[in-house]
Amino acid sequence: MVQTFLFWLLVSYAAISFALALAYLRYRRLSHAEIVAWGALALFVPIFGPFFVIAARPGPRRRSRRLLHRAG
């Protein structure tokens, strides 16, 4: 019973952290190949992959939509 609970806790943590890493990559200016490469790192490096992706801060930051509306 405890092993099953811990297994599902680990799986849910890995899925949530992967989703957070992908959400973070969405706000970076990257090519499709770079997004796939960073996403693969986040997926295939167990548990620490999403932390590596977010800590590396790949690519420049996208401009905020709010700033684009003020400029135009």
N, C-alpha and C. Protein backbone atom coordinates (compact mmCIF):
# COMPACT_ATOMS: atom_id res chain seq x y z
N MET A 1 0.83 -1.19 0.00
CA MET A 1 0.00 0.00 0.00
C MET A 1 0.87 1.26 0.00
N VAL A 2 1.86 1.30 0.87
CA VAL A 2 2.72 2.47 0.96
C VAL A 2 3.56 2.61 -0.31
N GLN A 3 4.04 1.48 -0.85
CA GLN A 3 4.85 1.55 -2.07
C GLN A 3 4.04 2.08 -3.24
N THR A 4 2.79 1.68 -3.34
CA THR A 4 1.92 2.16 -4.41
C THR A 4 1.69 3.66 -4.28
N PHE A 5 1.44 4.11 -3.08
CA PHE A 5 1.24 5.54 -2.84
C PHE A 5 2.49 6.34 -3.21
N LEU A 6 3.65 5.86 -2.79
CA LEU A 6 4.90 6.56 -3.11
C LEU A 6 5.19 6.55 -4.60
N PHE A 7 4.87 5.44 -5.26
CA PHE A 7 5.06 5.38 -6.71
C PHE A 7 4.21 6.43 -7.41
N TRP A 8 2.93 6.52 -7.06
CA TRP A 8 2.05 7.49 -7.71
C TRP A 8 2.39 8.93 -7.32
N LEU A 9 2.90 9.11 -6.14
CA LEU A 9 3.37 10.43 -5.74
C LEU A 9 4.57 10.86 -6.60
N LEU A 10 5.49 9.94 -6.83
CA LEU A 10 6.65 10.23 -7.67
C LEU A 10 6.24 10.49 -9.12
N VAL A 11 5.34 9.68 -9.64
CA VAL A 11 4.87 9.86 -11.02
C VAL A 11 4.15 11.20 -11.17
N SER A 12 3.30 11.55 -10.22
CA SER A 12 2.58 12.82 -10.32
C SER A 12 3.54 14.01 -10.19
N TYR A 13 4.53 13.90 -9.32
CA TYR A 13 5.53 14.96 -9.20
C TYR A 13 6.30 15.14 -10.51
N ALA A 14 6.71 14.03 -11.12
CA ALA A 14 7.45 14.10 -12.38
C ALA A 14 6.59 14.73 -13.48
N ALA A 15 5.32 14.37 -13.55
CA ALA A 15 4.43 14.93 -14.56
C ALA A 15 4.20 16.42 -14.35
N ILE A 16 4.00 16.82 -13.11
CA ILE A 16 3.76 18.24 -12.82
C ILE A 16 5.00 19.07 -13.08
N SER A 17 6.17 18.57 -12.70
CA SER A 17 7.39 19.34 -12.94
C SER A 17 7.71 19.41 -14.43
N PHE A 18 7.40 18.36 -15.20
CA PHE A 18 7.58 18.40 -16.65
C PHE A 18 6.65 19.44 -17.27
N ALA A 19 5.41 19.49 -16.81
CA ALA A 19 4.47 20.49 -17.32
C ALA A 19 4.93 21.90 -16.99
N LEU A 20 5.49 22.11 -15.81
CA LEU A 20 6.02 23.43 -15.45
C LEU A 20 7.20 23.82 -16.34
N ALA A 21 8.06 22.86 -16.65
CA ALA A 21 9.20 23.14 -17.53
C ALA A 21 8.71 23.52 -18.92
N LEU A 22 7.72 22.81 -19.43
CA LEU A 22 7.18 23.16 -20.75
C LEU A 22 6.50 24.52 -20.73
N ALA A 23 5.81 24.84 -19.66
CA ALA A 23 5.18 26.16 -19.54
C ALA A 23 6.25 27.25 -19.51
N TYR A 24 7.36 26.97 -18.87
CA TYR A 24 8.46 27.94 -18.82
C TYR A 24 9.05 28.13 -20.22
N LEU A 25 9.24 27.05 -20.95
CA LEU A 25 9.81 27.14 -22.30
C LEU A 25 8.90 27.91 -23.25
N ARG A 26 7.62 27.92 -22.96
CA ARG A 26 6.67 28.64 -23.80
C ARG A 26 6.95 30.14 -23.83
N TYR A 27 7.51 30.66 -22.75
CA TYR A 27 7.78 32.09 -22.66
C TYR A 27 9.20 32.47 -23.03
N ARG A 28 9.92 31.56 -23.66
CA ARG A 28 11.27 31.85 -24.16
C ARG A 28 11.24 31.84 -25.68
N ARG A 29 12.07 32.65 -26.30
CA ARG A 29 12.13 32.74 -27.75
C ARG A 29 13.09 31.66 -28.25
N LEU A 30 12.55 30.50 -28.67
CA LEU A 30 13.34 29.37 -29.11
C LEU A 30 12.78 28.83 -30.42
N SER A 31 13.65 28.18 -31.20
CA SER A 31 13.18 27.51 -32.41
C SER A 31 12.48 26.21 -32.00
N HIS A 32 11.80 25.59 -32.95
CA HIS A 32 11.09 24.35 -32.65
C HIS A 32 12.07 23.25 -32.24
N ALA A 33 13.22 23.20 -32.90
CA ALA A 33 14.23 22.18 -32.56
C ALA A 33 14.76 22.38 -31.14
N GLU A 34 14.95 23.63 -30.76
CA GLU A 34 15.42 23.90 -29.39
C GLU A 34 14.37 23.52 -28.36
N ILE A 35 13.12 23.79 -28.66
CA ILE A 35 12.04 23.42 -27.74
C ILE A 35 11.98 21.90 -27.58
N VAL A 36 12.13 21.19 -28.69
CA VAL A 36 12.12 19.72 -28.62
C VAL A 36 13.31 19.21 -27.81
N ALA A 37 14.49 19.80 -28.04
CA ALA A 37 15.69 19.35 -27.31
C ALA A 37 15.57 19.62 -25.81
N TRP A 38 15.15 20.82 -25.44
CA TRP A 38 15.00 21.14 -24.02
C TRP A 38 13.87 20.33 -23.39
N GLY A 39 12.80 20.12 -24.14
CA GLY A 39 11.70 19.28 -23.64
C GLY A 39 12.13 17.84 -23.43
N ALA A 40 12.97 17.33 -24.35
CA ALA A 40 13.48 15.97 -24.19
C ALA A 40 14.37 15.87 -22.95
N LEU A 41 15.17 16.89 -22.70
CA LEU A 41 15.99 16.90 -21.49
C LEU A 41 15.10 16.87 -20.25
N ALA A 42 14.06 17.67 -20.25
CA ALA A 42 13.16 17.71 -19.10
C ALA A 42 12.43 16.39 -18.91
N LEU A 43 12.17 15.69 -20.00
CA LEU A 43 11.43 14.44 -19.92
C LEU A 43 12.32 13.25 -19.56
N PHE A 44 13.50 13.17 -20.16
CA PHE A 44 14.31 11.96 -20.04
C PHE A 44 15.33 11.98 -18.90
N VAL A 45 15.60 13.12 -18.31
CA VAL A 45 16.46 13.15 -17.13
C VAL A 45 15.52 13.07 -15.93
N PRO A 46 15.52 11.95 -15.26
CA PRO A 46 14.52 11.75 -14.20
C PRO A 46 14.61 12.79 -13.10
N ILE A 47 13.49 13.31 -12.74
CA ILE A 47 13.25 14.22 -11.63
C ILE A 47 13.98 15.56 -11.76
N PHE A 48 15.27 15.58 -12.06
CA PHE A 48 16.03 16.83 -12.09
C PHE A 48 16.00 17.53 -13.45
N GLY A 49 15.52 16.89 -14.49
CA GLY A 49 15.49 17.48 -15.82
C GLY A 49 14.77 18.81 -15.89
N PRO A 50 13.55 18.92 -15.34
CA PRO A 50 12.86 20.21 -15.38
C PRO A 50 13.61 21.32 -14.63
N PHE A 51 14.29 20.98 -13.54
CA PHE A 51 15.08 21.97 -12.83
C PHE A 51 16.24 22.47 -13.69
N PHE A 52 16.88 21.55 -14.42
CA PHE A 52 17.98 21.94 -15.30
C PHE A 52 17.49 22.87 -16.40
N VAL A 53 16.32 22.57 -16.97
CA VAL A 53 15.77 23.40 -18.05
C VAL A 53 15.48 24.81 -17.56
N ILE A 54 14.84 24.93 -16.41
CA ILE A 54 14.48 26.25 -15.89
C ILE A 54 15.73 27.01 -15.43
N ALA A 55 16.69 26.32 -14.82
CA ALA A 55 17.91 26.98 -14.34
C ALA A 55 18.79 27.45 -15.49
N ALA A 56 18.76 26.76 -16.63
CA ALA A 56 19.60 27.14 -17.77
C ALA A 56 19.09 28.39 -18.48
N ARG A 57 17.82 28.71 -18.34
CA ARG A 57 17.19 29.87 -19.00
C ARG A 57 17.55 29.94 -20.47
N PRO A 58 17.14 28.93 -21.26
CA PRO A 58 17.52 28.91 -22.68
C PRO A 58 16.86 30.01 -23.48
N GLY A 59 17.62 30.61 -24.37
CA GLY A 59 17.08 31.63 -25.27
C GLY A 59 16.69 32.92 -24.56
N PRO A 60 16.52 33.98 -25.34
CA PRO A 60 16.09 35.25 -24.74
C PRO A 60 14.63 35.21 -24.35
N ARG A 61 14.26 36.07 -23.46
CA ARG A 61 12.89 36.17 -22.98
C ARG A 61 12.03 36.81 -24.05
N ARG A 62 10.81 36.31 -24.22
CA ARG A 62 9.88 36.94 -25.16
C ARG A 62 9.42 38.27 -24.60
N ARG A 63 9.10 39.19 -25.48
CA ARG A 63 8.56 40.47 -25.02
C ARG A 63 7.15 40.26 -24.51
N SER A 64 6.81 40.98 -23.50
CA SER A 64 5.48 40.88 -22.92
C SER A 64 4.45 41.44 -23.89
N ARG A 65 3.30 40.83 -23.95
CA ARG A 65 2.22 41.34 -24.80
C ARG A 65 1.76 42.72 -24.33
N ARG A 66 1.86 42.94 -23.05
CA ARG A 66 1.48 44.22 -22.48
C ARG A 66 2.38 45.33 -23.01
N LEU A 67 3.70 45.04 -23.12
CA LEU A 67 4.62 46.02 -23.66
C LEU A 67 4.39 46.26 -25.14
N LEU A 68 4.00 45.21 -25.87
CA LEU A 68 3.74 45.36 -27.29
C LEU A 68 2.51 46.24 -27.54
N HIS A 69 1.50 46.15 -26.69
CA HIS A 69 0.31 46.97 -26.85
C HIS A 69 0.60 48.44 -26.56
N ARG A 70 1.48 48.71 -25.60
CA ARG A 70 1.82 50.08 -25.28
C ARG A 70 2.66 50.71 -26.37
N ALA A 71 3.54 49.93 -27.01
CA ALA A 71 4.42 50.47 -28.03
C ALA A 71 3.65 50.77 -29.31
N GLY A 72 2.61 50.02 -29.60
CA GLY A 72 1.90 50.16 -30.87
C GLY A 72 0.70 50.96 -30.71
